[in-house]
All heavy atoms as atom14 arrays in JSON, in Angstrom:
{
  "sequence": "VVLVLGASAVLGTLVLPGLAESFVGGSEYVGLGHEAWVFASE",
  "atom14_mask": [
    [1, 1, 1, 1, 1, 1, 1, 0, 0, 0, 0, 0, 0, 0],
    [1, 1, 1, 1, 1, 1, 1, 0, 0, 0, 0, 0, 0, 0],
    [1, 1, 1, 1, 1, 1, 1, 1, 0, 0, 0, 0, 0, 0],
    [1, 1, 1, 1, 1, 1, 1, 0, 0, 0, 0, 0, 0, 0],
    [1, 1, 1, 1, 1, 1, 1, 1, 0, 0, 0, 0, 0, 0],
    [1, 1, 1, 1, 0, 0, 0, 0, 0, 0, 0, 0, 0, 0],
    [1, 1, 1, 1, 1, 0, 0, 0, 0, 0, 0, 0, 0, 0],
    [1, 1, 1, 1, 1, 1, 0, 0, 0, 0, 0, 0, 0, 0],
    [1, 1, 1, 1, 1, 0, 0, 0, 0, 0, 0, 0, 0, 0],
    [1, 1, 1, 1, 1, 1, 1, 0, 0, 0, 0, 0, 0, 0],
    [1, 1, 1, 1, 1, 1, 1, 1, 0, 0, 0, 0, 0, 0],
    [1, 1, 1, 1, 0, 0, 0, 0, 0, 0, 0, 0, 0, 0],
    [1, 1, 1, 1, 1, 1, 1, 0, 0, 0, 0, 0, 0, 0],
    [1, 1, 1, 1, 1, 1, 1, 1, 0, 0, 0, 0, 0, 0],
    [1, 1, 1, 1, 1, 1, 1, 0, 0, 0, 0, 0, 0, 0],
    [1, 1, 1, 1, 1, 1, 1, 1, 0, 0, 0, 0, 0, 0],
    [1, 1, 1, 1, 1, 1, 1, 0, 0, 0, 0, 0, 0, 0],
    [1, 1, 1, 1, 0, 0, 0, 0, 0, 0, 0, 0, 0, 0],
    [1, 1, 1, 1, 1, 1, 1, 1, 0, 0, 0, 0, 0, 0],
    [1, 1, 1, 1, 1, 0, 0, 0, 0, 0, 0, 0, 0, 0],
    [1, 1, 1, 1, 1, 1, 1, 1, 1, 0, 0, 0, 0, 0],
    [1, 1, 1, 1, 1, 1, 0, 0, 0, 0, 0, 0, 0, 0],
    [1, 1, 1, 1, 1, 1, 1, 1, 1, 1, 1, 0, 0, 0],
    [1, 1, 1, 1, 1, 1, 1, 0, 0, 0, 0, 0, 0, 0],
    [1, 1, 1, 1, 0, 0, 0, 0, 0, 0, 0, 0, 0, 0],
    [1, 1, 1, 1, 0, 0, 0, 0, 0, 0, 0, 0, 0, 0],
    [1, 1, 1, 1, 1, 1, 0, 0, 0, 0, 0, 0, 0, 0],
    [1, 1, 1, 1, 1, 1, 1, 1, 1, 0, 0, 0, 0, 0],
    [1, 1, 1, 1, 1, 1, 1, 1, 1, 1, 1, 1, 0, 0],
    [1, 1, 1, 1, 1, 1, 1, 0, 0, 0, 0, 0, 0, 0],
    [1, 1, 1, 1, 0, 0, 0, 0, 0, 0, 0, 0, 0, 0],
    [1, 1, 1, 1, 1, 1, 1, 1, 0, 0, 0, 0, 0, 0],
    [1, 1, 1, 1, 0, 0, 0, 0, 0, 0, 0, 0, 0, 0],
    [1, 1, 1, 1, 1, 1, 1, 1, 1, 1, 0, 0, 0, 0],
    [1, 1, 1, 1, 1, 1, 1, 1, 1, 0, 0, 0, 0, 0],
    [1, 1, 1, 1, 1, 0, 0, 0, 0, 0, 0, 0, 0, 0],
    [1, 1, 1, 1, 1, 1, 1, 1, 1, 1, 1, 1, 1, 1],
    [1, 1, 1, 1, 1, 1, 1, 0, 0, 0, 0, 0, 0, 0],
    [1, 1, 1, 1, 1, 1, 1, 1, 1, 1, 1, 0, 0, 0],
    [1, 1, 1, 1, 1, 0, 0, 0, 0, 0, 0, 0, 0, 0],
    [1, 1, 1, 1, 1, 1, 0, 0, 0, 0, 0, 0, 0, 0],
    [1, 1, 1, 1, 1, 1, 1, 1, 1, 0, 0, 0, 0, 0]
  ],
  "atom14_positions": [
    [[-8.96, -31.73, -2.08], [-8.32, -31.47, -0.97], [-7.3, -30.17, -1.18], [-7.25, -29.24, -0.5], [-7.39, -32.53, -0.41], [-6.47, -32.22, 0.7], [-8.34, -33.76, 0.03], [0.0, 0.0, 0.0], [0.0, 0.0, 0.0], [0.0, 0.0, 0.0], [0.0, 0.0, 0.0], [0.0, 0.0, 0.0], [0.0, 0.0, 0.0], [0.0, 0.0, 0.0]],
    [[-6.66, -30.21, -2.34], [-5.78, -29.13, -2.7], [-6.47, -27.88, -2.87], [-6.11, -26.81, -2.48], [-4.88, -29.5, -4.06], [-4.33, -28.36, -4.7], [-3.9, -30.6, -3.69], [0.0, 0.0, 0.0], [0.0, 0.0, 0.0], [0.0, 0.0, 0.0], [0.0, 0.0, 0.0], [0.0, 0.0, 0.0], [0.0, 0.0, 0.0], [0.0, 0.0, 0.0]],
    [[-7.63, -28.08, -3.48], [-8.48, -26.72, -3.79], [-8.95, -26.12, -2.51], [-8.96, -24.83, -2.31], [-9.55, -27.01, -4.79], [-9.29, -27.2, -6.21], [-10.54, -27.63, -6.96], [-8.61, -26.11, -6.8], [0.0, 0.0, 0.0], [0.0, 0.0, 0.0], [0.0, 0.0, 0.0], [0.0, 0.0, 0.0], [0.0, 0.0, 0.0], [0.0, 0.0, 0.0]],
    [[-9.29, -26.94, -1.52], [-9.82, -26.45, -0.23], [-8.52, -25.75, 0.46], [-8.75, -24.67, 0.99], [-10.36, -27.74, 0.65], [-10.56, -27.17, 2.13], [-11.61, -28.05, 0.07], [0.0, 0.0, 0.0], [0.0, 0.0, 0.0], [0.0, 0.0, 0.0], [0.0, 0.0, 0.0], [0.0, 0.0, 0.0], [0.0, 0.0, 0.0], [0.0, 0.0, 0.0]],
    [[-7.42, -26.5, 0.49], [-6.33, -25.71, 1.08], [-5.9, -24.5, 0.41], [-5.64, -23.37, 1.2], [-5.01, -26.77, 1.09], [-5.29, -27.97, 1.8], [-4.12, -28.89, 1.63], [-5.28, -27.75, 3.38], [0.0, 0.0, 0.0], [0.0, 0.0, 0.0], [0.0, 0.0, 0.0], [0.0, 0.0, 0.0], [0.0, 0.0, 0.0], [0.0, 0.0, 0.0]],
    [[-5.94, -24.48, -0.89], [-5.56, -23.23, -1.64], [-6.66, -22.1, -1.33], [-6.31, -20.93, -1.25], [0.0, 0.0, 0.0], [0.0, 0.0, 0.0], [0.0, 0.0, 0.0], [0.0, 0.0, 0.0], [0.0, 0.0, 0.0], [0.0, 0.0, 0.0], [0.0, 0.0, 0.0], [0.0, 0.0, 0.0], [0.0, 0.0, 0.0], [0.0, 0.0, 0.0]],
    [[-7.93, -22.56, -1.31], [-8.94, -21.39, -1.16], [-8.81, -20.69, 0.22], [-8.98, -19.52, 0.38], [-10.38, -22.11, -1.19], [0.0, 0.0, 0.0], [0.0, 0.0, 0.0], [0.0, 0.0, 0.0], [0.0, 0.0, 0.0], [0.0, 0.0, 0.0], [0.0, 0.0, 0.0], [0.0, 0.0, 0.0], [0.0, 0.0, 0.0], [0.0, 0.0, 0.0]],
    [[-8.31, -21.57, 1.3], [-7.99, -21.03, 2.56], [-6.88, -19.95, 2.45], [-6.96, -18.99, 3.11], [-7.59, -22.13, 3.61], [-8.71, -23.04, 3.69], [0.0, 0.0, 0.0], [0.0, 0.0, 0.0], [0.0, 0.0, 0.0], [0.0, 0.0, 0.0], [0.0, 0.0, 0.0], [0.0, 0.0, 0.0], [0.0, 0.0, 0.0], [0.0, 0.0, 0.0]],
    [[-5.87, -20.24, 1.69], [-4.72, -19.27, 1.45], [-5.14, -18.04, 0.76], [-4.84, -17.02, 1.11], [-3.66, -20.09, 0.7], [0.0, 0.0, 0.0], [0.0, 0.0, 0.0], [0.0, 0.0, 0.0], [0.0, 0.0, 0.0], [0.0, 0.0, 0.0], [0.0, 0.0, 0.0], [0.0, 0.0, 0.0], [0.0, 0.0, 0.0], [0.0, 0.0, 0.0]],
    [[-6.01, -18.2, -0.21], [-6.5, -17.08, -0.96], [-7.38, -16.13, -0.02], [-7.19, -14.97, 0.01], [-7.3, -17.42, -2.15], [-8.09, -16.21, -2.73], [-6.52, -18.2, -3.26], [0.0, 0.0, 0.0], [0.0, 0.0, 0.0], [0.0, 0.0, 0.0], [0.0, 0.0, 0.0], [0.0, 0.0, 0.0], [0.0, 0.0, 0.0], [0.0, 0.0, 0.0]],
    [[-8.23, -16.73, 0.75], [-9.13, -16.01, 1.61], [-8.1, -15.3, 2.76], [-8.34, -14.09, 3.06], [-9.97, -16.94, 2.5], [-10.91, -16.29, 3.45], [-11.78, -15.26, 2.71], [-11.81, -17.34, 4.15], [0.0, 0.0, 0.0], [0.0, 0.0, 0.0], [0.0, 0.0, 0.0], [0.0, 0.0, 0.0], [0.0, 0.0, 0.0], [0.0, 0.0, 0.0]],
    [[-7.12, -15.99, 3.2], [-6.16, -15.38, 4.19], [-5.54, -14.2, 3.62], [-5.29, -13.13, 4.33], [0.0, 0.0, 0.0], [0.0, 0.0, 0.0], [0.0, 0.0, 0.0], [0.0, 0.0, 0.0], [0.0, 0.0, 0.0], [0.0, 0.0, 0.0], [0.0, 0.0, 0.0], [0.0, 0.0, 0.0], [0.0, 0.0, 0.0], [0.0, 0.0, 0.0]],
    [[-5.12, -14.09, 2.31], [-4.46, -12.96, 1.68], [-5.44, -11.8, 1.55], [-5.01, -10.61, 1.51], [-3.72, -13.32, 0.35], [-4.86, -13.88, -0.58], [-2.75, -14.36, 0.59], [0.0, 0.0, 0.0], [0.0, 0.0, 0.0], [0.0, 0.0, 0.0], [0.0, 0.0, 0.0], [0.0, 0.0, 0.0], [0.0, 0.0, 0.0], [0.0, 0.0, 0.0]],
    [[-6.7, -12.18, 1.3], [-7.74, -11.12, 1.06], [-7.99, -10.5, 2.38], [-8.19, -9.17, 2.42], [-8.88, -11.69, 0.53], [-8.9, -12.07, -1.01], [-10.11, -12.84, -1.43], [-8.77, -10.75, -1.82], [0.0, 0.0, 0.0], [0.0, 0.0, 0.0], [0.0, 0.0, 0.0], [0.0, 0.0, 0.0], [0.0, 0.0, 0.0], [0.0, 0.0, 0.0]],
    [[-8.17, -11.24, 3.46], [-8.41, -10.72, 4.79], [-7.2, -9.9, 5.49], [-7.49, -8.99, 6.11], [-8.97, -11.79, 5.7], [-9.17, -11.38, 7.21], [-10.14, -12.46, 5.19], [0.0, 0.0, 0.0], [0.0, 0.0, 0.0], [0.0, 0.0, 0.0], [0.0, 0.0, 0.0], [0.0, 0.0, 0.0], [0.0, 0.0, 0.0], [0.0, 0.0, 0.0]],
    [[-6.14, -10.51, 5.28], [-4.83, -9.97, 5.88], [-3.83, -9.61, 4.83], [-2.69, -10.33, 4.78], [-4.38, -10.9, 6.93], [-5.28, -11.32, 7.99], [-4.69, -12.62, 8.88], [-5.43, -10.08, 8.98], [0.0, 0.0, 0.0], [0.0, 0.0, 0.0], [0.0, 0.0, 0.0], [0.0, 0.0, 0.0], [0.0, 0.0, 0.0], [0.0, 0.0, 0.0]],
    [[-3.98, -8.75, 4.01], [-2.95, -8.42, 2.95], [-1.62, -7.93, 3.53], [-0.55, -8.1, 2.97], [-3.58, -7.3, 2.2], [-4.58, -6.65, 3.03], [-5.09, -7.75, 3.92], [0.0, 0.0, 0.0], [0.0, 0.0, 0.0], [0.0, 0.0, 0.0], [0.0, 0.0, 0.0], [0.0, 0.0, 0.0], [0.0, 0.0, 0.0], [0.0, 0.0, 0.0]],
    [[-1.73, -7.14, 4.74], [-0.49, -6.76, 5.28], [0.37, -7.97, 5.7], [1.63, -7.9, 5.63], [0.0, 0.0, 0.0], [0.0, 0.0, 0.0], [0.0, 0.0, 0.0], [0.0, 0.0, 0.0], [0.0, 0.0, 0.0], [0.0, 0.0, 0.0], [0.0, 0.0, 0.0], [0.0, 0.0, 0.0], [0.0, 0.0, 0.0], [0.0, 0.0, 0.0]],
    [[-0.39, -8.96, 6.3], [0.52, -10.21, 6.64], [1.12, -10.95, 5.42], [2.16, -11.44, 5.52], [-0.52, -11.2, 7.43], [0.18, -12.35, 7.97], [1.23, -12.2, 8.99], [-0.97, -13.38, 8.66], [0.0, 0.0, 0.0], [0.0, 0.0, 0.0], [0.0, 0.0, 0.0], [0.0, 0.0, 0.0], [0.0, 0.0, 0.0], [0.0, 0.0, 0.0]],
    [[0.36, -10.93, 4.37], [0.84, -11.52, 3.15], [2.07, -10.74, 2.67], [3.12, -11.31, 2.26], [-0.15, -11.56, 2.05], [0.0, 0.0, 0.0], [0.0, 0.0, 0.0], [0.0, 0.0, 0.0], [0.0, 0.0, 0.0], [0.0, 0.0, 0.0], [0.0, 0.0, 0.0], [0.0, 0.0, 0.0], [0.0, 0.0, 0.0], [0.0, 0.0, 0.0]],
    [[2.1, -9.4, 2.84], [3.32, -8.67, 2.39], [4.46, -8.95, 3.32], [5.6, -9.03, 2.84], [2.89, -7.14, 2.52], [3.86, -6.25, 1.85], [3.28, -4.81, 1.73], [2.42, -4.57, 0.94], [3.64, -4.06, 2.54], [0.0, 0.0, 0.0], [0.0, 0.0, 0.0], [0.0, 0.0, 0.0], [0.0, 0.0, 0.0], [0.0, 0.0, 0.0]],
    [[4.24, -9.06, 4.66], [5.34, -9.46, 5.55], [5.83, -10.78, 5.27], [6.95, -11.05, 5.37], [4.76, -9.32, 7.02], [4.33, -7.97, 7.24], [0.0, 0.0, 0.0], [0.0, 0.0, 0.0], [0.0, 0.0, 0.0], [0.0, 0.0, 0.0], [0.0, 0.0, 0.0], [0.0, 0.0, 0.0], [0.0, 0.0, 0.0], [0.0, 0.0, 0.0]],
    [[4.97, -11.74, 4.85], [5.27, -13.15, 4.63], [6.28, -13.15, 3.44], [7.22, -13.97, 3.46], [4.01, -13.9, 4.17], [4.33, -15.39, 3.69], [4.34, -16.31, 4.65], [4.39, -15.61, 2.42], [4.65, -17.59, 4.25], [4.72, -16.9, 2.0], [4.83, -17.89, 2.99], [0.0, 0.0, 0.0], [0.0, 0.0, 0.0], [0.0, 0.0, 0.0]],
    [[6.11, -12.23, 2.46], [6.98, -12.11, 1.33], [8.27, -11.64, 1.63], [9.34, -12.05, 1.23], [6.3, -11.41, 0.14], [7.29, -11.04, -0.87], [5.08, -12.13, -0.27], [0.0, 0.0, 0.0], [0.0, 0.0, 0.0], [0.0, 0.0, 0.0], [0.0, 0.0, 0.0], [0.0, 0.0, 0.0], [0.0, 0.0, 0.0], [0.0, 0.0, 0.0]],
    [[8.33, -10.47, 2.33], [9.73, -9.89, 2.58], [9.71, -8.62, 3.29], [10.69, -7.9, 3.3], [0.0, 0.0, 0.0], [0.0, 0.0, 0.0], [0.0, 0.0, 0.0], [0.0, 0.0, 0.0], [0.0, 0.0, 0.0], [0.0, 0.0, 0.0], [0.0, 0.0, 0.0], [0.0, 0.0, 0.0], [0.0, 0.0, 0.0], [0.0, 0.0, 0.0]],
    [[8.53, -8.16, 3.65], [8.44, -6.79, 4.5], [8.35, -5.59, 3.71], [7.77, -5.52, 2.63], [0.0, 0.0, 0.0], [0.0, 0.0, 0.0], [0.0, 0.0, 0.0], [0.0, 0.0, 0.0], [0.0, 0.0, 0.0], [0.0, 0.0, 0.0], [0.0, 0.0, 0.0], [0.0, 0.0, 0.0], [0.0, 0.0, 0.0], [0.0, 0.0, 0.0]],
    [[8.7, -4.55, 4.3], [8.39, -3.1, 3.82], [8.92, -2.83, 2.35], [8.43, -1.99, 1.67], [8.9, -2.1, 4.75], [10.38, -2.17, 4.91], [0.0, 0.0, 0.0], [0.0, 0.0, 0.0], [0.0, 0.0, 0.0], [0.0, 0.0, 0.0], [0.0, 0.0, 0.0], [0.0, 0.0, 0.0], [0.0, 0.0, 0.0], [0.0, 0.0, 0.0]],
    [[9.97, -3.52, 2.0], [10.52, -3.29, 0.56], [9.61, -3.78, -0.43], [9.93, -3.49, -1.64], [12.0, -3.87, 0.43], [13.02, -3.26, 1.34], [14.45, -3.71, 0.94], [15.04, -3.2, -0.01], [15.08, -4.49, 1.62], [0.0, 0.0, 0.0], [0.0, 0.0, 0.0], [0.0, 0.0, 0.0], [0.0, 0.0, 0.0], [0.0, 0.0, 0.0]],
    [[8.69, -4.6, -0.09], [7.82, -5.12, -1.21], [6.35, -4.51, -0.79], [5.41, -5.12, -1.11], [7.67, -6.73, -0.91], [8.96, -7.3, -1.13], [9.9, -7.48, -0.24], [9.31, -7.93, -2.5], [11.14, -8.06, -0.49], [10.47, -8.39, -2.75], [11.38, -8.58, -1.82], [12.7, -9.09, -2.16], [0.0, 0.0, 0.0], [0.0, 0.0, 0.0]],
    [[6.33, -3.21, -0.49], [5.11, -2.46, -0.29], [4.33, -2.44, -1.44], [4.7, -2.37, -2.62], [5.37, -1.06, 0.25], [6.23, -0.28, -0.78], [4.2, -0.36, 0.55], [0.0, 0.0, 0.0], [0.0, 0.0, 0.0], [0.0, 0.0, 0.0], [0.0, 0.0, 0.0], [0.0, 0.0, 0.0], [0.0, 0.0, 0.0], [0.0, 0.0, 0.0]],
    [[2.99, -2.69, -1.3], [1.99, -2.67, -2.32], [1.67, -4.05, -2.9], [0.62, -4.3, -3.32], [0.0, 0.0, 0.0], [0.0, 0.0, 0.0], [0.0, 0.0, 0.0], [0.0, 0.0, 0.0], [0.0, 0.0, 0.0], [0.0, 0.0, 0.0], [0.0, 0.0, 0.0], [0.0, 0.0, 0.0], [0.0, 0.0, 0.0], [0.0, 0.0, 0.0]],
    [[2.45, -5.03, -2.59], [2.3, -6.37, -3.03], [1.0, -7.11, -2.21], [0.39, -7.87, -2.75], [3.62, -7.26, -2.84], [3.37, -8.7, -3.35], [3.06, -8.79, -4.79], [4.7, -9.47, -3.02], [0.0, 0.0, 0.0], [0.0, 0.0, 0.0], [0.0, 0.0, 0.0], [0.0, 0.0, 0.0], [0.0, 0.0, 0.0], [0.0, 0.0, 0.0]],
    [[0.91, -6.58, -1.05], [-0.15, -7.26, -0.13], [-1.55, -7.26, -0.88], [-2.32, -8.12, -0.71], [0.0, 0.0, 0.0], [0.0, 0.0, 0.0], [0.0, 0.0, 0.0], [0.0, 0.0, 0.0], [0.0, 0.0, 0.0], [0.0, 0.0, 0.0], [0.0, 0.0, 0.0], [0.0, 0.0, 0.0], [0.0, 0.0, 0.0], [0.0, 0.0, 0.0]],
    [[-1.97, -6.03, -1.49], [-3.11, -6.09, -2.1], [-3.44, -6.64, -3.28], [-4.47, -6.95, -3.9], [-3.47, -4.55, -2.39], [-3.52, -3.74, -1.26], [-4.56, -3.79, -0.36], [-2.81, -2.68, -0.7], [-4.5, -2.91, 0.66], [-3.32, -2.21, 0.41], [0.0, 0.0, 0.0], [0.0, 0.0, 0.0], [0.0, 0.0, 0.0], [0.0, 0.0, 0.0]],
    [[-2.27, -7.3, -3.86], [-2.26, -8.24, -5.14], [-2.01, -9.64, -4.71], [-1.85, -10.49, -5.57], [-1.42, -7.66, -6.05], [-1.77, -6.25, -6.57], [-0.67, -5.65, -7.44], [0.49, -6.1, -7.35], [-0.96, -4.77, -8.25], [0.0, 0.0, 0.0], [0.0, 0.0, 0.0], [0.0, 0.0, 0.0], [0.0, 0.0, 0.0], [0.0, 0.0, 0.0]],
    [[-1.66, -9.91, -3.37], [-1.26, -11.2, -2.99], [-2.23, -12.46, -3.24], [-1.81, -13.42, -3.63], [-0.97, -11.25, -1.51], [0.0, 0.0, 0.0], [0.0, 0.0, 0.0], [0.0, 0.0, 0.0], [0.0, 0.0, 0.0], [0.0, 0.0, 0.0], [0.0, 0.0, 0.0], [0.0, 0.0, 0.0], [0.0, 0.0, 0.0], [0.0, 0.0, 0.0]],
    [[-3.54, -11.99, -3.17], [-4.42, -12.95, -3.62], [-4.36, -13.52, -5.1], [-4.75, -14.78, -5.27], [-5.94, -12.4, -3.38], [-6.43, -11.38, -4.37], [-6.19, -10.16, -4.21], [-7.08, -11.72, -5.53], [-6.74, -9.38, -5.32], [-7.35, -10.39, -6.16], [-7.57, -12.78, -6.14], [-8.01, -10.26, -7.44], [-8.33, -12.53, -7.46], [-8.43, -11.31, -7.99]],
    [[-3.96, -12.7, -5.89], [-3.76, -13.1, -7.31], [-2.71, -14.26, -7.4], [-2.81, -15.15, -8.15], [-3.39, -11.97, -8.22], [-3.14, -12.38, -9.67], [-4.41, -10.82, -8.07], [0.0, 0.0, 0.0], [0.0, 0.0, 0.0], [0.0, 0.0, 0.0], [0.0, 0.0, 0.0], [0.0, 0.0, 0.0], [0.0, 0.0, 0.0], [0.0, 0.0, 0.0]],
    [[-1.6, -14.02, -6.65], [-0.48, -15.06, -6.67], [-1.01, -16.27, -5.94], [-0.48, -17.4, -6.23], [0.82, -14.39, -6.03], [1.38, -13.32, -6.82], [1.21, -12.01, -6.61], [2.37, -13.68, -7.94], [1.76, -10.97, -7.42], [2.92, -12.73, -8.66], [2.67, -11.39, -8.47], [0.0, 0.0, 0.0], [0.0, 0.0, 0.0], [0.0, 0.0, 0.0]],
    [[-1.66, -16.18, -4.82], [-2.26, -17.23, -4.14], [-3.13, -18.05, -5.06], [-3.12, -19.3, -4.98], [-2.85, -16.91, -2.79], [0.0, 0.0, 0.0], [0.0, 0.0, 0.0], [0.0, 0.0, 0.0], [0.0, 0.0, 0.0], [0.0, 0.0, 0.0], [0.0, 0.0, 0.0], [0.0, 0.0, 0.0], [0.0, 0.0, 0.0], [0.0, 0.0, 0.0]],
    [[-3.94, -17.43, -5.83], [-4.82, -18.09, -6.64], [-4.18, -18.85, -7.75], [-4.51, -19.92, -8.11], [-5.88, -17.09, -7.33], [-6.65, -16.41, -6.36], [0.0, 0.0, 0.0], [0.0, 0.0, 0.0], [0.0, 0.0, 0.0], [0.0, 0.0, 0.0], [0.0, 0.0, 0.0], [0.0, 0.0, 0.0], [0.0, 0.0, 0.0], [0.0, 0.0, 0.0]],
    [[-3.09, -18.16, -8.32], [-2.3, -18.77, -9.28], [-1.56, -20.08, -8.84], [-1.73, -21.04, -9.38], [-1.16, -17.84, -9.84], [-0.29, -18.33, -10.89], [0.9, -17.45, -11.26], [1.34, -16.83, -10.23], [1.39, -17.46, -12.19], [0.0, 0.0, 0.0], [0.0, 0.0, 0.0], [0.0, 0.0, 0.0], [0.0, 0.0, 0.0], [0.0, 0.0, 0.0]]
  ]
}
């Protein structure tokens, strides 16, 4: 169950990296969106 939920989060960060960046804190965290899937996988 945990892996299925986590896989959904990883997929979401890959499809919507900008949203992941906004989720973290906005424009001051620019560039993090493209690496967000690594943190979601972790």
